[in-house]
Amino acid sequence: MTAFIDYLKENWLEVLGTILGLIYLYQEIKASIYLWITGIIMPAIYTVVYWQAGLYADFGIQIYYIIAAIYGLIFWKFFRSKSGNTLQIKHLPLKKYPFFITTFVVSYAIIVYILLTYTNSDVPYLDTFTTALSIVGLLLLARKYIEQWIAWIFVDSVCAGLYIYKGIYFTACLYALYTILAIYGYIEWKRMMADDK
């Protein structure tokens, strides 16, 4: 028990990030605009956690998350459909798939090059995979595309294993839970999407 308390004291930022992560996920499942506020605070905390763990791509993505959260907040708050309604949950149109696939491939290539060339990362390919797919996932979320949950299922399950390997155990548990909740989130958004019709 003493070792656990010592771990909590030593890793209090990780624990706080985990708590905020659970709040964020709840808000995301409910499609609450407040997820973007939590989405600004949580990555600010994780910039420190990931830097200390040597997960440099994950560190970098946190800065992107902060910027994307500001964009998402503005987009969800002020965007209206052609009919004047607020942004609704919808499927990603087929014509937009090439953009998101290209975004993933280009992001992956750039990030893996940076990690291999300029860092001492011992997990450059998995770190890059989760980072590049997170870039796509957040873009999908900002537009309220239901497919964002599929991206997060892959990101979260890979991250859970990666964080166990790196010794970030609270965050690993969070991402294992995220994987389960992302499946639930997909089902919940599908129900809400049907209710909106």
C-alpha atoms as a PDB file:
ATOM      1  CA  MET A   1       0.000   0.000   0.000  1.00  0.00           C
ATOM      2  CA  THR A   2       2.863   2.372   0.804  1.00  0.00           C
ATOM      3  CA  ALA A   3       4.400   1.719  -2.621  1.00  0.00           C
ATOM      4  CA  PHE A   4       1.072   2.588  -4.272  1.00  0.00           C
ATOM      5  CA  ILE A   5       0.788   5.860  -2.317  1.00  0.00           C
ATOM      6  CA  ASP A   6       4.394   6.704  -3.200  1.00  0.00           C
ATOM      7  CA  TYR A   7       3.592   6.017  -6.861  1.00  0.00           C
ATOM      8  CA  LEU A   8       0.581   8.366  -6.659  1.00  0.00           C
ATOM      9  CA  LYS A   9       2.702  11.103  -5.108  1.00  0.00           C
ATOM     10  CA  GLU A  10       5.472  10.691  -7.639  1.00  0.00           C
ATOM     11  CA  ASN A  11       3.105  10.515 -10.619  1.00  0.00           C
ATOM     12  CA  TRP A  12       0.352  12.921  -9.564  1.00  0.00           C
ATOM     13  CA  LEU A  13       0.271  14.608 -12.992  1.00  0.00           C
ATOM     14  CA  GLU A  14      -0.379  11.263 -14.673  1.00  0.00           C
ATOM     15  CA  VAL A  15      -3.163  10.517 -12.176  1.00  0.00           C
ATOM     16  CA  LEU A  16      -4.730  13.949 -12.764  1.00  0.00           C
ATOM     17  CA  GLY A  17      -4.482  13.422 -16.525  1.00  0.00           C
ATOM     18  CA  THR A  18      -6.181  10.044 -16.133  1.00  0.00           C
ATOM     19  CA  ILE A  19      -9.073  11.577 -14.195  1.00  0.00           C
ATOM     20  CA  LEU A  20      -9.470  14.330 -16.790  1.00  0.00           C
ATOM     21  CA  GLY A  21      -9.295  11.677 -19.507  1.00  0.00           C
ATOM     22  CA  LEU A  22     -12.277   9.863 -18.018  1.00  0.00           C
ATOM     23  CA  ILE A  23     -14.214  13.129 -17.786  1.00  0.00           C
ATOM     24  CA  TYR A  24     -13.295  13.910 -21.396  1.00  0.00           C
ATOM     25  CA  LEU A  25     -14.448  10.512 -22.616  1.00  0.00           C
ATOM     26  CA  TYR A  26     -17.778  10.828 -20.795  1.00  0.00           C
ATOM     27  CA  GLN A  27     -18.285  14.239 -22.408  1.00  0.00           C
ATOM     28  CA  GLU A  28     -17.331  12.836 -25.813  1.00  0.00           C
ATOM     29  CA  ILE A  29     -19.792   9.943 -25.539  1.00  0.00           C
ATOM     30  CA  LYS A  30     -22.523  12.443 -24.650  1.00  0.00           C
ATOM     31  CA  ALA A  31     -21.404  14.686 -27.552  1.00  0.00           C
ATOM     32  CA  SER A  32     -21.085  17.549 -25.053  1.00  0.00           C
ATOM     33  CA  ILE A  33     -19.415  20.740 -26.238  1.00  0.00           C
ATOM     34  CA  TYR A  34     -17.614  20.876 -22.874  1.00  0.00           C
ATOM     35  CA  LEU A  35     -15.333  18.061 -24.043  1.00  0.00           C
ATOM     36  CA  TRP A  36     -13.337  20.749 -25.831  1.00  0.00           C
ATOM     37  CA  ILE A  37     -12.631  22.640 -22.571  1.00  0.00           C
ATOM     38  CA  THR A  38     -11.389  19.426 -20.949  1.00  0.00           C
ATOM     39  CA  GLY A  39      -9.591  18.772 -24.241  1.00  0.00           C
ATOM     40  CA  ILE A  40      -7.492  21.886 -23.702  1.00  0.00           C
ATOM     41  CA  ILE A  41      -6.547  21.198 -20.067  1.00  0.00           C
ATOM     42  CA  MET A  42      -5.812  17.455 -20.314  1.00  0.00           C
ATOM     43  CA  PRO A  43      -3.207  17.628 -23.118  1.00  0.00           C
ATOM     44  CA  ALA A  44      -1.435  20.486 -21.350  1.00  0.00           C
ATOM     45  CA  ILE A  45      -0.868  18.079 -18.452  1.00  0.00           C
ATOM     46  CA  TYR A  46       0.148  15.206 -20.699  1.00  0.00           C
ATOM     47  CA  THR A  47       2.850  17.257 -22.448  1.00  0.00           C
ATOM     48  CA  VAL A  48       4.850  16.863 -19.222  1.00  0.00           C
ATOM     49  CA  VAL A  49       3.968  13.171 -18.679  1.00  0.00           C
ATOM     50  CA  TYR A  50       4.927  12.103 -22.211  1.00  0.00           C
ATOM     51  CA  TRP A  51       8.104  14.192 -22.325  1.00  0.00           C
ATOM     52  CA  GLN A  52       9.304  12.582 -19.107  1.00  0.00           C
ATOM     53  CA  ALA A  53       8.510   9.110 -20.517  1.00  0.00           C
ATOM     54  CA  GLY A  54      10.417   9.790 -23.755  1.00  0.00           C
ATOM     55  CA  LEU A  55       7.278   9.476 -25.896  1.00  0.00           C
ATOM     56  CA  TYR A  56       8.146  12.425 -28.101  1.00  0.00           C
ATOM     57  CA  ALA A  57       5.473  11.944 -30.767  1.00  0.00           C
ATOM     58  CA  ASP A  58       2.839  11.678 -28.045  1.00  0.00           C
ATOM     59  CA  PHE A  59       4.328  14.824 -26.491  1.00  0.00           C
ATOM     60  CA  GLY A  60       4.032  16.657 -29.812  1.00  0.00           C
ATOM     61  CA  ILE A  61       0.484  15.495 -30.430  1.00  0.00           C
ATOM     62  CA  GLN A  62      -0.600  17.106 -27.164  1.00  0.00           C
ATOM     63  CA  ILE A  63       0.205  20.525 -28.621  1.00  0.00           C
ATOM     64  CA  TYR A  64      -1.856  19.606 -31.678  1.00  0.00           C
ATOM     65  CA  TYR A  65      -4.672  18.470 -29.344  1.00  0.00           C
ATOM     66  CA  ILE A  66      -4.751  21.871 -27.639  1.00  0.00           C
ATOM     67  CA  ILE A  67      -4.981  23.696 -30.983  1.00  0.00           C
ATOM     68  CA  ALA A  68      -7.539  21.190 -32.325  1.00  0.00           C
ATOM     69  CA  ALA A  69      -9.636  21.538 -29.151  1.00  0.00           C
ATOM     70  CA  ILE A  70      -9.827  25.290 -29.686  1.00  0.00           C
ATOM     71  CA  TYR A  71     -10.856  24.656 -33.310  1.00  0.00           C
ATOM     72  CA  GLY A  72     -13.413  22.012 -32.251  1.00  0.00           C
ATOM     73  CA  LEU A  73     -14.917  24.328 -29.643  1.00  0.00           C
ATOM     74  CA  ILE A  74     -15.326  27.114 -32.197  1.00  0.00           C
ATOM     75  CA  PHE A  75     -16.647  24.724 -34.858  1.00  0.00           C
ATOM     76  CA  TRP A  76     -19.199  23.029 -32.558  1.00  0.00           C
ATOM     77  CA  LYS A  77     -20.292  26.366 -31.074  1.00  0.00           C
ATOM     78  CA  PHE A  78     -20.739  28.380 -34.257  1.00  0.00           C
ATOM     79  CA  PHE A  79     -21.123  25.984 -37.190  1.00  0.00           C
ATOM     80  CA  ARG A  80     -24.635  25.554 -38.519  1.00  0.00           C
ATOM     81  CA  SER A  81     -25.879  23.216 -41.226  1.00  0.00           C
ATOM     82  CA  LYS A  82     -27.457  24.576 -44.398  1.00  0.00           C
ATOM     83  CA  SER A  83     -30.836  24.225 -42.673  1.00  0.00           C
ATOM     84  CA  GLY A  84     -29.612  26.384 -39.772  1.00  0.00           C
ATOM     85  CA  ASN A  85     -29.426  23.519 -37.263  1.00  0.00           C
ATOM     86  CA  THR A  86     -26.440  22.836 -35.034  1.00  0.00           C
ATOM     87  CA  LEU A  87     -23.842  20.326 -36.125  1.00  0.00           C
ATOM     88  CA  GLN A  88     -25.271  16.778 -36.191  1.00  0.00           C
ATOM     89  CA  ILE A  89     -23.563  13.392 -35.876  1.00  0.00           C
ATOM     90  CA  LYS A  90     -23.114  11.886 -39.337  1.00  0.00           C
ATOM     91  CA  HIS A  91     -21.145   9.341 -41.387  1.00  0.00           C
ATOM     92  CA  LEU A  92     -17.951  10.356 -43.145  1.00  0.00           C
ATOM     93  CA  PRO A  93     -18.833  10.852 -46.832  1.00  0.00           C
ATOM     94  CA  LEU A  94     -16.945   8.495 -49.184  1.00  0.00           C
ATOM     95  CA  LYS A  95     -15.543  11.458 -51.142  1.00  0.00           C
ATOM     96  CA  LYS A  96     -13.706  12.616 -47.992  1.00  0.00           C
ATOM     97  CA  TYR A  97     -11.931   9.301 -47.334  1.00  0.00           C
ATOM     98  CA  PRO A  98      -8.937  10.161 -49.572  1.00  0.00           C
ATOM     99  CA  PHE A  99      -8.292  13.341 -47.550  1.00  0.00           C
ATOM    100  CA  PHE A 100      -8.240  11.503 -44.217  1.00  0.00           C
ATOM    101  CA  ILE A 101      -6.165   8.589 -45.555  1.00  0.00           C
ATOM    102  CA  THR A 102      -3.650  11.032 -47.059  1.00  0.00           C
ATOM    103  CA  THR A 103      -3.544  12.978 -43.785  1.00  0.00           C
ATOM    104  CA  PHE A 104      -2.679   9.754 -41.938  1.00  0.00           C
ATOM    105  CA  VAL A 105      -0.004   8.626 -44.421  1.00  0.00           C
ATOM    106  CA  VAL A 106       1.707  12.028 -44.654  1.00  0.00           C
ATOM    107  CA  SER A 107       1.570  12.539 -40.872  1.00  0.00           C
ATOM    108  CA  TYR A 108       2.991   9.055 -40.313  1.00  0.00           C
ATOM    109  CA  ALA A 109       5.861   9.598 -42.753  1.00  0.00           C
ATOM    110  CA  ILE A 110       6.825  12.986 -41.300  1.00  0.00           C
ATOM    111  CA  ILE A 111       6.578  11.940 -37.652  1.00  0.00           C
ATOM    112  CA  VAL A 112       8.462   8.646 -38.040  1.00  0.00           C
ATOM    113  CA  TYR A 113      11.234  10.494 -39.898  1.00  0.00           C
ATOM    114  CA  ILE A 114      11.492  13.061 -37.092  1.00  0.00           C
ATOM    115  CA  LEU A 115      11.562  10.393 -34.388  1.00  0.00           C
ATOM    116  CA  LEU A 116      14.163   8.265 -36.166  1.00  0.00           C
ATOM    117  CA  THR A 117      16.362  11.236 -37.036  1.00  0.00           C
ATOM    118  CA  TYR A 118      16.139  13.549 -34.045  1.00  0.00           C
ATOM    119  CA  THR A 119      15.147  11.532 -30.954  1.00  0.00           C
ATOM    120  CA  ASN A 120      16.257   8.512 -28.979  1.00  0.00           C
ATOM    121  CA  SER A 121      12.755   6.968 -29.086  1.00  0.00           C
ATOM    122  CA  ASP A 122      12.806   3.201 -28.657  1.00  0.00           C
ATOM    123  CA  VAL A 123       9.242   2.843 -30.015  1.00  0.00           C
ATOM    124  CA  PRO A 124       9.180   5.172 -33.039  1.00  0.00           C
ATOM    125  CA  TYR A 125       6.781   3.186 -35.236  1.00  0.00           C
ATOM    126  CA  LEU A 126       4.057   2.518 -32.657  1.00  0.00           C
ATOM    127  CA  ASP A 127       4.416   6.020 -31.198  1.00  0.00           C
ATOM    128  CA  THR A 128       4.023   7.430 -34.708  1.00  0.00           C
ATOM    129  CA  PHE A 129       1.073   5.168 -35.569  1.00  0.00           C
ATOM    130  CA  THR A 130      -0.973   6.306 -32.573  1.00  0.00           C
ATOM    131  CA  THR A 131       0.005   9.932 -33.142  1.00  0.00           C
ATOM    132  CA  ALA A 132      -0.846  10.010 -36.854  1.00  0.00           C
ATOM    133  CA  LEU A 133      -4.158   8.210 -36.299  1.00  0.00           C
ATOM    134  CA  SER A 134      -4.965  10.582 -33.419  1.00  0.00           C
ATOM    135  CA  ILE A 135      -4.538  13.530 -35.793  1.00  0.00           C
ATOM    136  CA  VAL A 136      -7.155  11.946 -38.057  1.00  0.00           C
ATOM    137  CA  GLY A 137      -9.416  10.979 -35.139  1.00  0.00           C
ATOM    138  CA  LEU A 138      -9.532  14.502 -33.780  1.00  0.00           C
ATOM    139  CA  LEU A 139     -10.319  15.942 -37.222  1.00  0.00           C
ATOM    140  CA  LEU A 140     -13.177  13.446 -37.524  1.00  0.00           C
ATOM    141  CA  LEU A 141     -14.428  14.365 -34.040  1.00  0.00           C
ATOM    142  CA  ALA A 142     -14.342  18.096 -34.822  1.00  0.00           C
ATOM    143  CA  ARG A 143     -16.764  17.441 -37.704  1.00  0.00           C
ATOM    144  CA  LYS A 144     -18.870  14.989 -35.652  1.00  0.00           C
ATOM    145  CA  TYR A 145     -18.214  12.031 -37.953  1.00  0.00           C
ATOM    146  CA  ILE A 146     -19.130   8.768 -36.210  1.00  0.00           C
ATOM    147  CA  GLU A 147     -16.088   7.060 -37.740  1.00  0.00           C
ATOM    148  CA  GLN A 148     -13.936   8.950 -35.244  1.00  0.00           C
ATOM    149  CA  TRP A 149     -14.758   6.165 -32.771  1.00  0.00           C
ATOM    150  CA  ILE A 150     -13.195   3.546 -35.052  1.00  0.00           C
ATOM    151  CA  ALA A 151      -9.978   5.564 -35.169  1.00  0.00           C
ATOM    152  CA  TRP A 152      -9.989   5.842 -31.348  1.00  0.00           C
ATOM    153  CA  ILE A 153     -10.559   2.096 -30.888  1.00  0.00           C
ATOM    154  CA  PHE A 154      -7.310   1.439 -32.761  1.00  0.00           C
ATOM    155  CA  VAL A 155      -5.413   4.297 -31.099  1.00  0.00           C
ATOM    156  CA  ASP A 156      -6.526   3.382 -27.592  1.00  0.00           C
ATOM    157  CA  SER A 157      -5.813  -0.340 -27.828  1.00  0.00           C
ATOM    158  CA  VAL A 158      -2.307   0.217 -29.229  1.00  0.00           C
ATOM    159  CA  CYS A 159      -1.601   2.959 -26.661  1.00  0.00           C
ATOM    160  CA  ALA A 160      -2.627   0.690 -23.776  1.00  0.00           C
ATOM    161  CA  GLY A 161       0.052  -1.817 -24.708  1.00  0.00           C
ATOM    162  CA  LEU A 162       2.623   0.870 -25.489  1.00  0.00           C
ATOM    163  CA  TYR A 163       2.137   2.599 -22.142  1.00  0.00           C
ATOM    164  CA  ILE A 164       2.473  -0.657 -20.217  1.00  0.00           C
ATOM    165  CA  TYR A 165       5.781  -1.152 -22.020  1.00  0.00           C
ATOM    166  CA  LYS A 166       6.866   2.408 -21.082  1.00  0.00           C
ATOM    167  CA  GLY A 167       5.799   2.030 -17.431  1.00  0.00           C
ATOM    168  CA  ILE A 168       3.013   4.647 -17.523  1.00  0.00           C
ATOM    169  CA  TYR A 169       0.573   2.345 -15.770  1.00  0.00           C
ATOM    170  CA  PHE A 170      -2.288   4.698 -14.855  1.00  0.00           C
ATOM    171  CA  THR A 171      -2.396   5.987 -18.393  1.00  0.00           C
ATOM    172  CA  ALA A 172      -2.214   2.416 -19.725  1.00  0.00           C
ATOM    173  CA  CYS A 173      -5.261   1.535 -17.621  1.00  0.00           C
ATOM    174  CA  LEU A 174      -7.008   4.662 -18.886  1.00  0.00           C
ATOM    175  CA  TYR A 175      -6.382   3.687 -22.501  1.00  0.00           C
ATOM    176  CA  ALA A 176      -7.525   0.103 -21.923  1.00  0.00           C
ATOM    177  CA  LEU A 177     -10.743   1.573 -20.532  1.00  0.00           C
ATOM    178  CA  TYR A 178     -10.855   4.013 -23.457  1.00  0.00           C
ATOM    179  CA  THR A 179     -10.833   1.066 -25.860  1.00  0.00           C
ATOM    180  CA  ILE A 180     -13.923  -0.419 -24.230  1.00  0.00           C
ATOM    181  CA  LEU A 181     -15.643   2.951 -23.946  1.00  0.00           C
ATOM    182  CA  ALA A 182     -14.826   3.828 -27.563  1.00  0.00           C
ATOM    183  CA  ILE A 183     -16.853   0.790 -28.612  1.00  0.00           C
ATOM    184  CA  TYR A 184     -19.675   1.998 -26.348  1.00  0.00           C
ATOM    185  CA  GLY A 185     -19.257   5.531 -27.734  1.00  0.00           C
ATOM    186  CA  TYR A 186     -19.678   4.271 -31.279  1.00  0.00           C
ATOM    187  CA  ILE A 187     -22.900   2.468 -30.311  1.00  0.00           C
ATOM    188  CA  GLU A 188     -24.164   5.527 -28.414  1.00  0.00           C
ATOM    189  CA  TRP A 189     -23.420   7.925 -31.275  1.00  0.00           C
ATOM    190  CA  LYS A 190     -25.123   5.528 -33.696  1.00  0.00           C
ATOM    191  CA  ARG A 191     -28.222   5.658 -31.468  1.00  0.00           C
ATOM    192  CA  MET A 192     -28.094   9.457 -31.256  1.00  0.00           C
ATOM    193  CA  MET A 193     -27.614   9.670 -35.006  1.00  0.00           C
ATOM    194  CA  ALA A 194     -30.743   7.553 -35.529  1.00  0.00           C
ATOM    195  CA  ASP A 195     -32.682   9.755 -33.069  1.00  0.00           C
ATOM    196  CA  ASP A 196     -31.702  12.882 -35.025  1.00  0.00           C
ATOM    197  CA  LYS A 197     -33.272  11.552 -38.223  1.00  0.00           C
END
